[in-house]
Amino acid sequence: MGGNSGNNKMTITQVAKKVGVATKTIMRWEHSGKVNLPRRDWRGWRVYYKEDLEKLREFHESLYYLDETV
């Protein structure tokens, strides 16, 4: 991936690692409608950007917040 760091594209594996969940967890959130579906590249692979990562982090953090308030 070398010189492509300027485009900020990330794979589901990279995003999952940054959020702290498994890739299957993100897929489950997407399929259940809890988070927006990501864009896809020409191969049909998920492509995430910084704003997608932030939304996933916020959703993940909200799960802990909801759990603490119950």
PDB file of N, CA and C in Angstrom:
ATOM      1  N   MET A   1       0.812  -1.178   0.000  1.00  0.00           N
ATOM      2  CA  MET A   1       0.000   0.000   0.000  1.00  0.00           C
ATOM      3  C   MET A   1       0.863   1.251   0.000  1.00  0.00           C
ATOM      4  N   GLY A   2       2.086   1.148   0.307  1.00  0.00           N
ATOM      5  CA  GLY A   2       3.111   2.156   0.221  1.00  0.00           C
ATOM      6  C   GLY A   2       2.694   3.604   0.139  1.00  0.00           C
ATOM      7  N   GLY A   3       2.695   4.189  -1.085  1.00  0.00           N
ATOM      8  CA  GLY A   3       2.492   5.612  -1.246  1.00  0.00           C
ATOM      9  C   GLY A   3       1.056   6.057  -1.255  1.00  0.00           C
ATOM     10  N   ASN A   4       0.107   5.196  -0.983  1.00  0.00           N
ATOM     11  CA  ASN A   4      -1.298   5.562  -1.047  1.00  0.00           C
ATOM     12  C   ASN A   4      -1.861   6.071   0.270  1.00  0.00           C
ATOM     13  N   SER A   5      -1.021   6.400   1.215  1.00  0.00           N
ATOM     14  CA  SER A   5      -1.533   6.812   2.527  1.00  0.00           C
ATOM     15  C   SER A   5      -2.297   8.129   2.459  1.00  0.00           C
ATOM     16  N   GLY A   6      -2.117   8.920   1.396  1.00  0.00           N
ATOM     17  CA  GLY A   6      -2.792  10.191   1.282  1.00  0.00           C
ATOM     18  C   GLY A   6      -4.272  10.080   0.973  1.00  0.00           C
ATOM     19  N   ASN A   7      -4.711   8.937   0.454  1.00  0.00           N
ATOM     20  CA  ASN A   7      -6.125   8.819   0.077  1.00  0.00           C
ATOM     21  C   ASN A   7      -7.011   8.384   1.235  1.00  0.00           C
ATOM     22  N   ASN A   8      -6.416   8.000   2.354  1.00  0.00           N
ATOM     23  CA  ASN A   8      -7.151   7.666   3.580  1.00  0.00           C
ATOM     24  C   ASN A   8      -8.112   6.498   3.435  1.00  0.00           C
ATOM     25  N   LYS A   9      -7.985   5.677   2.410  1.00  0.00           N
ATOM     26  CA  LYS A   9      -8.847   4.499   2.276  1.00  0.00           C
ATOM     27  C   LYS A   9      -8.359   3.420   3.225  1.00  0.00           C
ATOM     28  N   MET A  10      -9.326   2.735   3.841  1.00  0.00           N
ATOM     29  CA  MET A  10      -8.991   1.647   4.750  1.00  0.00           C
ATOM     30  C   MET A  10      -9.846   0.430   4.427  1.00  0.00           C
ATOM     31  N   THR A  11      -9.324  -0.729   4.760  1.00  0.00           N
ATOM     32  CA  THR A  11     -10.073  -1.972   4.604  1.00  0.00           C
ATOM     33  C   THR A  11     -10.877  -2.230   5.877  1.00  0.00           C
ATOM     34  N   ILE A  12     -11.780  -3.185   5.811  1.00  0.00           N
ATOM     35  CA  ILE A  12     -12.563  -3.538   7.002  1.00  0.00           C
ATOM     36  C   ILE A  12     -11.648  -4.077   8.103  1.00  0.00           C
ATOM     37  N   THR A  13     -10.571  -4.758   7.715  1.00  0.00           N
ATOM     38  CA  THR A  13      -9.630  -5.290   8.701  1.00  0.00           C
ATOM     39  C   THR A  13      -8.939  -4.160   9.451  1.00  0.00           C
ATOM     40  N   GLN A  14      -8.508  -3.129   8.709  1.00  0.00           N
ATOM     41  CA  GLN A  14      -7.852  -1.987   9.342  1.00  0.00           C
ATOM     42  C   GLN A  14      -8.812  -1.239  10.265  1.00  0.00           C
ATOM     43  N   VAL A  15     -10.036  -1.029   9.805  1.00  0.00           N
ATOM     44  CA  VAL A  15     -11.033  -0.308  10.600  1.00  0.00           C
ATOM     45  C   VAL A  15     -11.386  -1.100  11.855  1.00  0.00           C
ATOM     46  N   ALA A  16     -11.590  -2.395  11.704  1.00  0.00           N
ATOM     47  CA  ALA A  16     -11.936  -3.231  12.861  1.00  0.00           C
ATOM     48  C   ALA A  16     -10.846  -3.164  13.923  1.00  0.00           C
ATOM     49  N   LYS A  17      -9.597  -3.197  13.486  1.00  0.00           N
ATOM     50  CA  LYS A  17      -8.478  -3.125  14.433  1.00  0.00           C
ATOM     51  C   LYS A  17      -8.479  -1.785  15.166  1.00  0.00           C
ATOM     52  N   LYS A  18      -8.743  -0.687  14.442  1.00  0.00           N
ATOM     53  CA  LYS A  18      -8.750   0.639  15.062  1.00  0.00           C
ATOM     54  C   LYS A  18      -9.935   0.824  16.014  1.00  0.00           C
ATOM     55  N   VAL A  19     -11.079   0.213  15.682  1.00  0.00           N
ATOM     56  CA  VAL A  19     -12.261   0.330  16.539  1.00  0.00           C
ATOM     57  C   VAL A  19     -12.150  -0.620  17.734  1.00  0.00           C
ATOM     58  N   GLY A  20     -11.455  -1.744  17.536  1.00  0.00           N
ATOM     59  CA  GLY A  20     -11.280  -2.701  18.620  1.00  0.00           C
ATOM     60  C   GLY A  20     -12.319  -3.806  18.616  1.00  0.00           C
ATOM     61  N   VAL A  21     -12.816  -4.140  17.408  1.00  0.00           N
ATOM     62  CA  VAL A  21     -13.795  -5.216  17.271  1.00  0.00           C
ATOM     63  C   VAL A  21     -13.357  -6.141  16.127  1.00  0.00           C
ATOM     64  N   ALA A  22     -14.044  -7.259  15.995  1.00  0.00           N
ATOM     65  CA  ALA A  22     -13.780  -8.179  14.895  1.00  0.00           C
ATOM     66  C   ALA A  22     -14.447  -7.671  13.616  1.00  0.00           C
ATOM     67  N   THR A  23     -13.914  -8.064  12.477  1.00  0.00           N
ATOM     68  CA  THR A  23     -14.513  -7.665  11.198  1.00  0.00           C
ATOM     69  C   THR A  23     -15.952  -8.153  11.104  1.00  0.00           C
ATOM     70  N   LYS A  24     -16.219  -9.335  11.643  1.00  0.00           N
ATOM     71  CA  LYS A  24     -17.581  -9.879  11.598  1.00  0.00           C
ATOM     72  C   LYS A  24     -18.552  -9.025  12.409  1.00  0.00           C
ATOM     73  N   THR A  25     -18.061  -8.374  13.448  1.00  0.00           N
ATOM     74  CA  THR A  25     -18.911  -7.484  14.239  1.00  0.00           C
ATOM     75  C   THR A  25     -19.355  -6.300  13.392  1.00  0.00           C
ATOM     76  N   ILE A  26     -18.417  -5.708  12.655  1.00  0.00           N
ATOM     77  CA  ILE A  26     -18.767  -4.578  11.784  1.00  0.00           C
ATOM     78  C   ILE A  26     -19.755  -5.033  10.718  1.00  0.00           C
ATOM     79  N   MET A  27     -19.524  -6.192  10.135  1.00  0.00           N
ATOM     80  CA  MET A  27     -20.454  -6.712   9.121  1.00  0.00           C
ATOM     81  C   MET A  27     -21.848  -6.930   9.715  1.00  0.00           C
ATOM     82  N   ARG A  28     -21.896  -7.428  10.944  1.00  0.00           N
ATOM     83  CA  ARG A  28     -23.177  -7.652  11.620  1.00  0.00           C
ATOM     84  C   ARG A  28     -23.901  -6.321  11.847  1.00  0.00           C
ATOM     85  N   TRP A  29     -23.171  -5.290  12.285  1.00  0.00           N
ATOM     86  CA  TRP A  29     -23.761  -3.970  12.470  1.00  0.00           C
ATOM     87  C   TRP A  29     -24.325  -3.449  11.151  1.00  0.00           C
ATOM     88  N   GLU A  30     -23.590  -3.654  10.060  1.00  0.00           N
ATOM     89  CA  GLU A  30     -24.033  -3.180   8.741  1.00  0.00           C
ATOM     90  C   GLU A  30     -25.294  -3.916   8.295  1.00  0.00           C
ATOM     91  N   HIS A  31     -25.289  -5.225   8.409  1.00  0.00           N
ATOM     92  CA  HIS A  31     -26.438  -6.026   7.961  1.00  0.00           C
ATOM     93  C   HIS A  31     -27.694  -5.756   8.780  1.00  0.00           C
ATOM     94  N   SER A  32     -27.514  -5.404  10.052  1.00  0.00           N
ATOM     95  CA  SER A  32     -28.672  -5.135  10.911  1.00  0.00           C
ATOM     96  C   SER A  32     -29.149  -3.688  10.794  1.00  0.00           C
ATOM     97  N   GLY A  33     -28.412  -2.856  10.042  1.00  0.00           N
ATOM     98  CA  GLY A  33     -28.807  -1.472   9.855  1.00  0.00           C
ATOM     99  C   GLY A  33     -28.383  -0.543  10.980  1.00  0.00           C
ATOM    100  N   LYS A  34     -27.542  -1.020  11.879  1.00  0.00           N
ATOM    101  CA  LYS A  34     -27.104  -0.181  13.002  1.00  0.00           C
ATOM    102  C   LYS A  34     -26.101   0.878  12.568  1.00  0.00           C
ATOM    103  N   VAL A  35     -25.354   0.581  11.517  1.00  0.00           N
ATOM    104  CA  VAL A  35     -24.417   1.552  10.929  1.00  0.00           C
ATOM    105  C   VAL A  35     -24.630   1.561   9.425  1.00  0.00           C
ATOM    106  N   ASN A  36     -24.213   2.643   8.789  1.00  0.00           N
ATOM    107  CA  ASN A  36     -24.371   2.759   7.344  1.00  0.00           C
ATOM    108  C   ASN A  36     -23.487   1.764   6.603  1.00  0.00           C
ATOM    109  N   LEU A  37     -23.966   1.340   5.454  1.00  0.00           N
ATOM    110  CA  LEU A  37     -23.164   0.471   4.607  1.00  0.00           C
ATOM    111  C   LEU A  37     -22.012   1.278   4.021  1.00  0.00           C
ATOM    112  N   PRO A  38     -20.830   0.675   3.931  1.00  0.00           N
ATOM    113  CA  PRO A  38     -19.684   1.406   3.385  1.00  0.00           C
ATOM    114  C   PRO A  38     -19.742   1.463   1.853  1.00  0.00           C
ATOM    115  N   ARG A  39     -18.927   2.351   1.311  1.00  0.00           N
ATOM    116  CA  ARG A  39     -18.769   2.364  -0.139  1.00  0.00           C
ATOM    117  C   ARG A  39     -18.013   1.118  -0.560  1.00  0.00           C
ATOM    118  N   ARG A  40     -18.108   0.797  -1.823  1.00  0.00           N
ATOM    119  CA  ARG A  40     -17.419  -0.384  -2.363  1.00  0.00           C
ATOM    120  C   ARG A  40     -16.506   0.039  -3.505  1.00  0.00           C
ATOM    121  N   ASP A  41     -15.405  -0.680  -3.675  1.00  0.00           N
ATOM    122  CA  ASP A  41     -14.535  -0.384  -4.808  1.00  0.00           C
ATOM    123  C   ASP A  41     -14.988  -1.188  -6.023  1.00  0.00           C
ATOM    124  N   TRP A  42     -14.233  -1.122  -7.081  1.00  0.00           N
ATOM    125  CA  TRP A  42     -14.614  -1.782  -8.334  1.00  0.00           C
ATOM    126  C   TRP A  42     -14.705  -3.293  -8.193  1.00  0.00           C
ATOM    127  N   ARG A  43     -14.046  -3.846  -7.181  1.00  0.00           N
ATOM    128  CA  ARG A  43     -14.111  -5.300  -6.951  1.00  0.00           C
ATOM    129  C   ARG A  43     -15.272  -5.687  -6.054  1.00  0.00           C
ATOM    130  N   GLY A  44     -15.943  -4.690  -5.479  1.00  0.00           N
ATOM    131  CA  GLY A  44     -17.023  -4.977  -4.537  1.00  0.00           C
ATOM    132  C   GLY A  44     -16.549  -5.044  -3.097  1.00  0.00           C
ATOM    133  N   TRP A  45     -15.285  -4.747  -2.865  1.00  0.00           N
ATOM    134  CA  TRP A  45     -14.731  -4.769  -1.512  1.00  0.00           C
ATOM    135  C   TRP A  45     -15.113  -3.503  -0.767  1.00  0.00           C
ATOM    136  N   ARG A  46     -15.320  -3.636   0.547  1.00  0.00           N
ATOM    137  CA  ARG A  46     -15.653  -2.483   1.373  1.00  0.00           C
ATOM    138  C   ARG A  46     -14.473  -1.502   1.412  1.00  0.00           C
ATOM    139  N   VAL A  47     -14.796  -0.219   1.318  1.00  0.00           N
ATOM    140  CA  VAL A  47     -13.791   0.839   1.414  1.00  0.00           C
ATOM    141  C   VAL A  47     -14.272   1.828   2.473  1.00  0.00           C
ATOM    142  N   TYR A  48     -13.429   2.060   3.454  1.00  0.00           N
ATOM    143  CA  TYR A  48     -13.768   2.964   4.550  1.00  0.00           C
ATOM    144  C   TYR A  48     -12.851   4.180   4.503  1.00  0.00           C
ATOM    145  N   TYR A  49     -13.398   5.311   4.935  1.00  0.00           N
ATOM    146  CA  TYR A  49     -12.642   6.552   5.014  1.00  0.00           C
ATOM    147  C   TYR A  49     -12.650   7.021   6.458  1.00  0.00           C
ATOM    148  N   LYS A  50     -11.903   8.077   6.734  1.00  0.00           N
ATOM    149  CA  LYS A  50     -11.770   8.568   8.111  1.00  0.00           C
ATOM    150  C   LYS A  50     -13.129   8.843   8.755  1.00  0.00           C
ATOM    151  N   GLU A  51     -14.048   9.443   7.988  1.00  0.00           N
ATOM    152  CA  GLU A  51     -15.363   9.751   8.568  1.00  0.00           C
ATOM    153  C   GLU A  51     -16.142   8.478   8.903  1.00  0.00           C
ATOM    154  N   ASP A  52     -15.948   7.426   8.113  1.00  0.00           N
ATOM    155  CA  ASP A  52     -16.589   6.136   8.413  1.00  0.00           C
ATOM    156  C   ASP A  52     -16.022   5.556   9.704  1.00  0.00           C
ATOM    157  N   LEU A  53     -14.720   5.648   9.848  1.00  0.00           N
ATOM    158  CA  LEU A  53     -14.059   5.157  11.062  1.00  0.00           C
ATOM    159  C   LEU A  53     -14.593   5.887  12.289  1.00  0.00           C
ATOM    160  N   GLU A  54     -14.723   7.200  12.184  1.00  0.00           N
ATOM    161  CA  GLU A  54     -15.215   7.981  13.326  1.00  0.00           C
ATOM    162  C   GLU A  54     -16.642   7.574  13.703  1.00  0.00           C
ATOM    163  N   LYS A  55     -17.495   7.359  12.703  1.00  0.00           N
ATOM    164  CA  LYS A  55     -18.875   6.953  12.982  1.00  0.00           C
ATOM    165  C   LYS A  55     -18.918   5.582  13.646  1.00  0.00           C
ATOM    166  N   LEU A  56     -18.067   4.663  13.190  1.00  0.00           N
ATOM    167  CA  LEU A  56     -18.025   3.335  13.807  1.00  0.00           C
ATOM    168  C   LEU A  56     -17.513   3.415  15.244  1.00  0.00           C
ATOM    169  N   ARG A  57     -16.512   4.244  15.472  1.00  0.00           N
ATOM    170  CA  ARG A  57     -15.999   4.427  16.842  1.00  0.00           C
ATOM    171  C   ARG A  57     -17.075   4.988  17.753  1.00  0.00           C
ATOM    172  N   GLU A  58     -17.794   5.996  17.246  1.00  0.00           N
ATOM    173  CA  GLU A  58     -18.865   6.599  18.056  1.00  0.00           C
ATOM    174  C   GLU A  58     -19.944   5.574  18.382  1.00  0.00           C
ATOM    175  N   PHE A  59     -20.316   4.762  17.394  1.00  0.00           N
ATOM    176  CA  PHE A  59     -21.332   3.735  17.637  1.00  0.00           C
ATOM    177  C   PHE A  59     -20.831   2.743  18.675  1.00  0.00           C
ATOM    178  N   HIS A  60     -19.596   2.293  18.527  1.00  0.00           N
ATOM    179  CA  HIS A  60     -19.020   1.326  19.464  1.00  0.00           C
ATOM    180  C   HIS A  60     -18.994   1.892  20.881  1.00  0.00           C
ATOM    181  N   GLU A  61     -18.582   3.165  21.008  1.00  0.00           N
ATOM    182  CA  GLU A  61     -18.548   3.799  22.329  1.00  0.00           C
ATOM    183  C   GLU A  61     -19.953   3.959  22.904  1.00  0.00           C
ATOM    184  N   SER A  62     -20.942   4.201  22.041  1.00  0.00           N
ATOM    185  CA  SER A  62     -22.312   4.372  22.519  1.00  0.00           C
ATOM    186  C   SER A  62     -22.857   3.075  23.108  1.00  0.00           C
ATOM    187  N   LEU A  63     -22.370   1.949  22.633  1.00  0.00           N
ATOM    188  CA  LEU A  63     -22.811   0.663  23.188  1.00  0.00           C
ATOM    189  C   LEU A  63     -22.403   0.540  24.649  1.00  0.00           C
ATOM    190  N   TYR A  64     -21.206   1.005  24.967  1.00  0.00           N
ATOM    191  CA  TYR A  64     -20.743   0.961  26.358  1.00  0.00           C
ATOM    192  C   TYR A  64     -21.513   1.952  27.208  1.00  0.00           C
ATOM    193  N   TYR A  65     -21.796   3.124  26.645  1.00  0.00           N
ATOM    194  CA  TYR A  65     -22.543   4.131  27.377  1.00  0.00           C
ATOM    195  C   TYR A  65     -23.953   3.634  27.705  1.00  0.00           C
ATOM    196  N   LEU A  66     -24.617   3.014  26.708  1.00  0.00           N
ATOM    197  CA  LEU A  66     -25.959   2.480  26.940  1.00  0.00           C
ATOM    198  C   LEU A  66     -25.943   1.381  27.988  1.00  0.00           C
ATOM    199  N   ASP A  67     -24.913   0.534  27.925  1.00  0.00           N
ATOM    200  CA  ASP A  67     -24.800  -0.583  28.857  1.00  0.00           C
ATOM    201  C   ASP A  67     -24.640  -0.068  30.299  1.00  0.00           C
ATOM    202  N   GLU A  68     -23.929   1.028  30.475  1.00  0.00           N
ATOM    203  CA  GLU A  68     -23.701   1.565  31.812  1.00  0.00           C
ATOM    204  C   GLU A  68     -24.931   2.248  32.379  1.00  0.00           C
ATOM    205  N   THR A  69     -25.824   2.731  31.514  1.00  0.00           N
ATOM    206  CA  THR A  69     -26.991   3.464  32.002  1.00  0.00           C
ATOM    207  C   THR A  69     -28.160   2.551  32.335  1.00  0.00           C
ATOM    208  N   VAL A  70     -28.064   1.301  32.013  1.00  0.00           N
ATOM    209  CA  VAL A  70     -29.179   0.365  32.252  1.00  0.00           C
ATOM    210  C   VAL A  70     -29.117  -0.169  33.658  1.00  0.00           C
TER     211      VAL A  70
END
